[in-house]
């Protein structure tokens, strides 16, 4: 397991993008907290995250590579379009998924919906370059405190990730969830 900073990631970006394309599981920064990530279309990589987090239920969110990807793969209502204008930002939008093959089955566990993020953060550009969604779930064991610094990362997760992109302690909170798949929009503050 390797801990790198933003400059090292950018300097060797192709190497790290190749690792992600080959199924690496890694920790990445966002505009809110640290996320545990992988290629959201790679069933084996997603299952590795499920195992690390001890999370057999509840879907994962993904960082979408672009707003176009969201429109291509999700049902976006007029309200959804208005909310999408707030991206990039500290939100997770839950849309009805129209393309079931857009993510591995283990991401949303067969649910009809998918949580979408486009963080206001430099790492979002790397996801755009990959061209596919990346799982983005809090870097912790389910129901335990989420990672704010490398010092409070659960040791069992640290030992199982392929690399960590670290940029110091995070003071953020998990993103605000906005449910955009029902008739009425629901905002869930966390």
C-alpha atoms as a PDB file:
ATOM      1  CA  UNK A   1       0.000   0.000   0.000  1.00  0.00           C
ATOM      2  CA  UNK A   2       1.316   3.376  -1.035  1.00  0.00           C
ATOM      3  CA  UNK A   3       0.376   6.813   0.352  1.00  0.00           C
ATOM      4  CA  UNK A   4       0.746   9.587  -2.202  1.00  0.00           C
ATOM      5  CA  UNK A   5      -0.049  13.287  -2.330  1.00  0.00           C
ATOM      6  CA  UNK A   6      -1.850  15.165  -5.107  1.00  0.00           C
ATOM      7  CA  UNK A   7       1.389  16.172  -6.846  1.00  0.00           C
ATOM      8  CA  UNK A   8       2.612  12.555  -6.946  1.00  0.00           C
ATOM      9  CA  UNK A   9      -0.751  11.394  -8.307  1.00  0.00           C
ATOM     10  CA  UNK A  10      -0.673  14.051 -11.030  1.00  0.00           C
ATOM     11  CA  UNK A  11       2.972  13.374 -11.855  1.00  0.00           C
ATOM     12  CA  UNK A  12       2.280   9.661 -12.340  1.00  0.00           C
ATOM     13  CA  UNK A  13      -1.391   9.986 -13.266  1.00  0.00           C
ATOM     14  CA  UNK A  14      -1.323   7.410 -16.068  1.00  0.00           C
ATOM     15  CA  UNK A  15       0.133   4.788 -13.701  1.00  0.00           C
ATOM     16  CA  UNK A  16      -2.630   5.358 -11.126  1.00  0.00           C
ATOM     17  CA  UNK A  17      -5.430   5.523 -13.711  1.00  0.00           C
ATOM     18  CA  UNK A  18      -4.141   2.205 -15.114  1.00  0.00           C
ATOM     19  CA  UNK A  19      -4.274   0.696 -11.620  1.00  0.00           C
ATOM     20  CA  UNK A  20      -7.882   1.869 -11.234  1.00  0.00           C
ATOM     21  CA  UNK A  21      -8.758   0.455 -14.667  1.00  0.00           C
ATOM     22  CA  UNK A  22      -7.247  -2.884 -13.568  1.00  0.00           C
ATOM     23  CA  UNK A  23      -9.386  -3.083 -10.407  1.00  0.00           C
ATOM     24  CA  UNK A  24      -7.438  -1.217  -7.709  1.00  0.00           C
ATOM     25  CA  UNK A  25      -9.270  -0.224  -4.530  1.00  0.00           C
ATOM     26  CA  UNK A  26      -8.040   3.088  -3.148  1.00  0.00           C
ATOM     27  CA  UNK A  27      -8.800   6.001  -0.855  1.00  0.00           C
ATOM     28  CA  UNK A  28      -9.356   9.383  -2.483  1.00  0.00           C
ATOM     29  CA  UNK A  29     -10.068  12.896  -1.232  1.00  0.00           C
ATOM     30  CA  UNK A  30     -13.269  14.768  -2.101  1.00  0.00           C
ATOM     31  CA  UNK A  31     -14.735  18.165  -1.299  1.00  0.00           C
ATOM     32  CA  UNK A  32     -16.251  16.697   1.874  1.00  0.00           C
ATOM     33  CA  UNK A  33     -14.435  13.659   3.357  1.00  0.00           C
ATOM     34  CA  UNK A  34     -12.193  10.815   2.184  1.00  0.00           C
ATOM     35  CA  UNK A  35     -13.808   8.175   0.012  1.00  0.00           C
ATOM     36  CA  UNK A  36     -13.087   4.520  -0.588  1.00  0.00           C
ATOM     37  CA  UNK A  37     -13.138   4.032  -4.338  1.00  0.00           C
ATOM     38  CA  UNK A  38     -12.782   1.717  -7.304  1.00  0.00           C
ATOM     39  CA  UNK A  39     -14.037   1.327 -10.871  1.00  0.00           C
ATOM     40  CA  UNK A  40     -17.817   1.184 -10.339  1.00  0.00           C
ATOM     41  CA  UNK A  41     -18.174  -1.106 -13.368  1.00  0.00           C
ATOM     42  CA  UNK A  42     -15.788  -3.735 -11.925  1.00  0.00           C
ATOM     43  CA  UNK A  43     -17.845  -6.248  -9.901  1.00  0.00           C
ATOM     44  CA  UNK A  44     -14.804  -7.783  -8.163  1.00  0.00           C
ATOM     45  CA  UNK A  45     -13.406  -4.404  -7.081  1.00  0.00           C
ATOM     46  CA  UNK A  46     -16.810  -3.303  -5.747  1.00  0.00           C
ATOM     47  CA  UNK A  47     -17.118  -6.577  -3.811  1.00  0.00           C
ATOM     48  CA  UNK A  48     -13.690  -5.906  -2.265  1.00  0.00           C
ATOM     49  CA  UNK A  49     -15.022  -2.602  -0.912  1.00  0.00           C
ATOM     50  CA  UNK A  50     -18.174  -4.313   0.404  1.00  0.00           C
ATOM     51  CA  UNK A  51     -15.958  -6.806   2.241  1.00  0.00           C
ATOM     52  CA  UNK A  52     -13.658  -4.080   3.652  1.00  0.00           C
ATOM     53  CA  UNK A  53     -16.584  -2.026   4.944  1.00  0.00           C
ATOM     54  CA  UNK A  54     -18.499  -5.076   6.252  1.00  0.00           C
ATOM     55  CA  UNK A  55     -21.431  -3.766   4.260  1.00  0.00           C
ATOM     56  CA  UNK A  56     -23.634  -6.353   2.623  1.00  0.00           C
ATOM     57  CA  UNK A  57     -26.653  -4.057   2.402  1.00  0.00           C
ATOM     58  CA  UNK A  58     -27.188  -0.455   1.325  1.00  0.00           C
ATOM     59  CA  UNK A  59     -26.015   0.804  -2.063  1.00  0.00           C
ATOM     60  CA  UNK A  60     -22.870   2.801  -2.752  1.00  0.00           C
ATOM     61  CA  UNK A  61     -22.719   6.182  -4.464  1.00  0.00           C
ATOM     62  CA  UNK A  62     -20.480   6.906  -7.423  1.00  0.00           C
ATOM     63  CA  UNK A  63     -18.576   9.889  -8.744  1.00  0.00           C
ATOM     64  CA  UNK A  64     -19.925  10.335 -12.263  1.00  0.00           C
ATOM     65  CA  UNK A  65     -17.395  11.120 -14.992  1.00  0.00           C
ATOM     66  CA  UNK A  66     -19.624  13.919 -16.337  1.00  0.00           C
ATOM     67  CA  UNK A  67     -23.111  15.391 -16.284  1.00  0.00           C
ATOM     68  CA  UNK A  68     -23.583  13.869 -19.744  1.00  0.00           C
ATOM     69  CA  UNK A  69     -22.988  10.422 -18.186  1.00  0.00           C
ATOM     70  CA  UNK A  70     -25.752  11.203 -15.661  1.00  0.00           C
ATOM     71  CA  UNK A  71     -28.219  12.127 -18.437  1.00  0.00           C
ATOM     72  CA  UNK A  72     -27.224   9.066 -20.484  1.00  0.00           C
ATOM     73  CA  UNK A  73     -27.680   6.597 -17.618  1.00  0.00           C
ATOM     74  CA  UNK A  74     -30.256   8.096 -15.237  1.00  0.00           C
ATOM     75  CA  UNK A  75     -33.795   9.428 -15.459  1.00  0.00           C
ATOM     76  CA  UNK A  76     -33.402  13.157 -14.856  1.00  0.00           C
ATOM     77  CA  UNK A  77     -36.583  15.142 -14.228  1.00  0.00           C
ATOM     78  CA  UNK A  78     -36.920  18.907 -14.586  1.00  0.00           C
ATOM     79  CA  UNK A  79     -36.216  19.181 -10.831  1.00  0.00           C
ATOM     80  CA  UNK A  80     -33.200  16.925 -11.316  1.00  0.00           C
ATOM     81  CA  UNK A  81     -31.871  19.221 -14.040  1.00  0.00           C
ATOM     82  CA  UNK A  82     -32.116  22.208 -11.684  1.00  0.00           C
ATOM     83  CA  UNK A  83     -30.255  20.338  -8.936  1.00  0.00           C
ATOM     84  CA  UNK A  84     -27.562  19.199 -11.386  1.00  0.00           C
ATOM     85  CA  UNK A  85     -26.752  22.864 -11.979  1.00  0.00           C
ATOM     86  CA  UNK A  86     -25.375  22.901  -8.394  1.00  0.00           C
ATOM     87  CA  UNK A  87     -22.640  20.457  -9.404  1.00  0.00           C
ATOM     88  CA  UNK A  88     -19.807  20.226  -8.843  1.00  0.00           C
ATOM     89  CA  UNK A  89     -20.541  20.448  -5.136  1.00  0.00           C
ATOM     90  CA  UNK A  90     -21.074  18.654  -1.800  1.00  0.00           C
ATOM     91  CA  UNK A  91     -24.182  16.712  -2.861  1.00  0.00           C
ATOM     92  CA  UNK A  92     -25.211  13.139  -3.549  1.00  0.00           C
ATOM     93  CA  UNK A  93     -28.165  13.056  -5.935  1.00  0.00           C
ATOM     94  CA  UNK A  94     -30.188   9.871  -6.043  1.00  0.00           C
ATOM     95  CA  UNK A  95     -31.709   9.280  -9.469  1.00  0.00           C
ATOM     96  CA  UNK A  96     -33.664   6.407 -10.949  1.00  0.00           C
ATOM     97  CA  UNK A  97     -31.207   4.368 -13.018  1.00  0.00           C
ATOM     98  CA  UNK A  98     -32.302   3.773 -16.621  1.00  0.00           C
ATOM     99  CA  UNK A  99     -29.179   1.886 -17.754  1.00  0.00           C
ATOM    100  CA  UNK A 100     -28.747  -1.036 -15.338  1.00  0.00           C
ATOM    101  CA  UNK A 101     -25.387  -1.964 -16.897  1.00  0.00           C
ATOM    102  CA  UNK A 102     -23.904   1.502 -16.158  1.00  0.00           C
ATOM    103  CA  UNK A 103     -22.498   0.148 -12.864  1.00  0.00           C
ATOM    104  CA  UNK A 104     -21.685  -3.278 -11.447  1.00  0.00           C
ATOM    105  CA  UNK A 105     -24.619  -4.981  -9.713  1.00  0.00           C
ATOM    106  CA  UNK A 106     -22.774  -4.806  -6.370  1.00  0.00           C
ATOM    107  CA  UNK A 107     -22.844  -0.976  -6.445  1.00  0.00           C
ATOM    108  CA  UNK A 108     -26.588  -0.556  -5.972  1.00  0.00           C
ATOM    109  CA  UNK A 109     -27.508  -4.180  -5.149  1.00  0.00           C
ATOM    110  CA  UNK A 110     -30.156  -4.304  -7.859  1.00  0.00           C
ATOM    111  CA  UNK A 111     -31.909  -1.138  -6.695  1.00  0.00           C
ATOM    112  CA  UNK A 112     -33.694   0.968  -9.276  1.00  0.00           C
ATOM    113  CA  UNK A 113     -31.738   4.037  -8.134  1.00  0.00           C
ATOM    114  CA  UNK A 114     -28.141   5.258  -8.011  1.00  0.00           C
ATOM    115  CA  UNK A 115     -26.438   7.898  -5.864  1.00  0.00           C
ATOM    116  CA  UNK A 116     -24.409  10.320  -7.998  1.00  0.00           C
ATOM    117  CA  UNK A 117     -21.646  12.699  -6.887  1.00  0.00           C
ATOM    118  CA  UNK A 118     -19.581  15.214  -8.811  1.00  0.00           C
ATOM    119  CA  UNK A 119     -17.400  16.739  -6.081  1.00  0.00           C
ATOM    120  CA  UNK A 120     -15.932  20.228  -6.387  1.00  0.00           C
ATOM    121  CA  UNK A 121     -12.442  18.783  -6.143  1.00  0.00           C
ATOM    122  CA  UNK A 122      -9.451  18.150  -8.422  1.00  0.00           C
ATOM    123  CA  UNK A 123      -9.960  14.349  -8.174  1.00  0.00           C
ATOM    124  CA  UNK A 124     -13.188  14.737 -10.186  1.00  0.00           C
ATOM    125  CA  UNK A 125     -11.015  15.566 -13.221  1.00  0.00           C
ATOM    126  CA  UNK A 126      -9.286  12.163 -12.878  1.00  0.00           C
ATOM    127  CA  UNK A 127     -12.685  10.425 -12.904  1.00  0.00           C
ATOM    128  CA  UNK A 128     -13.652  12.404 -16.015  1.00  0.00           C
ATOM    129  CA  UNK A 129     -10.424  11.254 -17.664  1.00  0.00           C
ATOM    130  CA  UNK A 130     -11.221   7.625 -16.797  1.00  0.00           C
ATOM    131  CA  UNK A 131     -14.609   8.021 -18.507  1.00  0.00           C
ATOM    132  CA  UNK A 132     -16.428   5.648 -16.124  1.00  0.00           C
ATOM    133  CA  UNK A 133     -17.947   6.101 -12.668  1.00  0.00           C
ATOM    134  CA  UNK A 134     -15.890   5.510  -9.533  1.00  0.00           C
ATOM    135  CA  UNK A 135     -17.395   4.218  -6.288  1.00  0.00           C
ATOM    136  CA  UNK A 136     -17.249   6.876  -3.583  1.00  0.00           C
ATOM    137  CA  UNK A 137     -18.252   5.650  -0.140  1.00  0.00           C
ATOM    138  CA  UNK A 138     -16.877   6.873   3.165  1.00  0.00           C
ATOM    139  CA  UNK A 139     -13.502   5.351   4.071  1.00  0.00           C
ATOM    140  CA  UNK A 140     -14.580   3.460   7.161  1.00  0.00           C
ATOM    141  CA  UNK A 141     -16.155   0.263   8.404  1.00  0.00           C
ATOM    142  CA  UNK A 142     -19.927   0.696   8.238  1.00  0.00           C
ATOM    143  CA  UNK A 143     -21.335   2.481  11.322  1.00  0.00           C
ATOM    144  CA  UNK A 144     -17.835   3.468  12.509  1.00  0.00           C
ATOM    145  CA  UNK A 145     -16.450   7.042  12.317  1.00  0.00           C
ATOM    146  CA  UNK A 146     -15.413   8.098   8.806  1.00  0.00           C
ATOM    147  CA  UNK A 147     -11.796   8.913   7.969  1.00  0.00           C
ATOM    148  CA  UNK A 148     -10.774  12.544   8.406  1.00  0.00           C
ATOM    149  CA  UNK A 149      -7.009  11.876   8.433  1.00  0.00           C
ATOM    150  CA  UNK A 150      -4.672   8.984   7.738  1.00  0.00           C
ATOM    151  CA  UNK A 151      -4.220   8.663  11.524  1.00  0.00           C
ATOM    152  CA  UNK A 152      -7.851   7.666  12.110  1.00  0.00           C
ATOM    153  CA  UNK A 153      -8.141   5.265   9.159  1.00  0.00           C
ATOM    154  CA  UNK A 154      -9.176   1.812  10.353  1.00  0.00           C
ATOM    155  CA  UNK A 155      -6.098  -0.435  10.197  1.00  0.00           C
ATOM    156  CA  UNK A 156      -7.991  -3.292   8.509  1.00  0.00           C
ATOM    157  CA  UNK A 157      -8.948  -0.958   5.638  1.00  0.00           C
ATOM    158  CA  UNK A 158      -5.447   0.528   5.431  1.00  0.00           C
ATOM    159  CA  UNK A 159      -4.005  -2.974   4.928  1.00  0.00           C
ATOM    160  CA  UNK A 160      -6.424  -3.839   2.101  1.00  0.00           C
ATOM    161  CA  UNK A 161      -6.316  -0.758  -0.141  1.00  0.00           C
ATOM    162  CA  UNK A 162      -3.870  -0.524  -3.041  1.00  0.00           C
ATOM    163  CA  UNK A 163      -3.066   3.167  -2.539  1.00  0.00           C
ATOM    164  CA  UNK A 164      -4.174   6.290  -0.682  1.00  0.00           C
ATOM    165  CA  UNK A 165      -4.279   9.797  -2.151  1.00  0.00           C
ATOM    166  CA  UNK A 166      -3.779  11.949   0.918  1.00  0.00           C
ATOM    167  CA  UNK A 167      -4.072  15.714   1.300  1.00  0.00           C
ATOM    168  CA  UNK A 168      -4.099  16.203   5.049  1.00  0.00           C
ATOM    169  CA  UNK A 169      -6.892  16.287   7.573  1.00  0.00           C
ATOM    170  CA  UNK A 170     -10.414  16.916   6.276  1.00  0.00           C
ATOM    171  CA  UNK A 171     -12.819  19.090   8.240  1.00  0.00           C
ATOM    172  CA  UNK A 172     -15.840  18.303   6.064  1.00  0.00           C
ATOM    173  CA  UNK A 173     -18.968  16.274   6.621  1.00  0.00           C
ATOM    174  CA  UNK A 174     -20.553  13.698   4.338  1.00  0.00           C
ATOM    175  CA  UNK A 175     -22.415  15.183   1.369  1.00  0.00           C
ATOM    176  CA  UNK A 176     -26.060  16.253   1.506  1.00  0.00           C
ATOM    177  CA  UNK A 177     -28.335  13.612  -0.037  1.00  0.00           C
ATOM    178  CA  UNK A 178     -31.052  14.768  -2.418  1.00  0.00           C
ATOM    179  CA  UNK A 179     -33.596  12.153  -3.521  1.00  0.00           C
ATOM    180  CA  UNK A 180     -34.676  13.007  -7.059  1.00  0.00           C
ATOM    181  CA  UNK A 181     -36.456   9.818  -8.074  1.00  0.00           C
ATOM    182  CA  UNK A 182     -39.890  10.390  -6.557  1.00  0.00           C
ATOM    183  CA  UNK A 183     -42.550  12.982  -7.287  1.00  0.00           C
ATOM    184  CA  UNK A 184     -41.352  15.192  -4.451  1.00  0.00           C
ATOM    185  CA  UNK A 185     -37.700  16.116  -3.968  1.00  0.00           C
ATOM    186  CA  UNK A 186     -36.377  15.075  -0.542  1.00  0.00           C
ATOM    187  CA  UNK A 187     -33.249  16.660   0.992  1.00  0.00           C
ATOM    188  CA  UNK A 188     -31.507  14.620   3.700  1.00  0.00           C
ATOM    189  CA  UNK A 189     -28.898  16.508   5.738  1.00  0.00           C
ATOM    190  CA  UNK A 190     -26.235  14.330   7.375  1.00  0.00           C
END
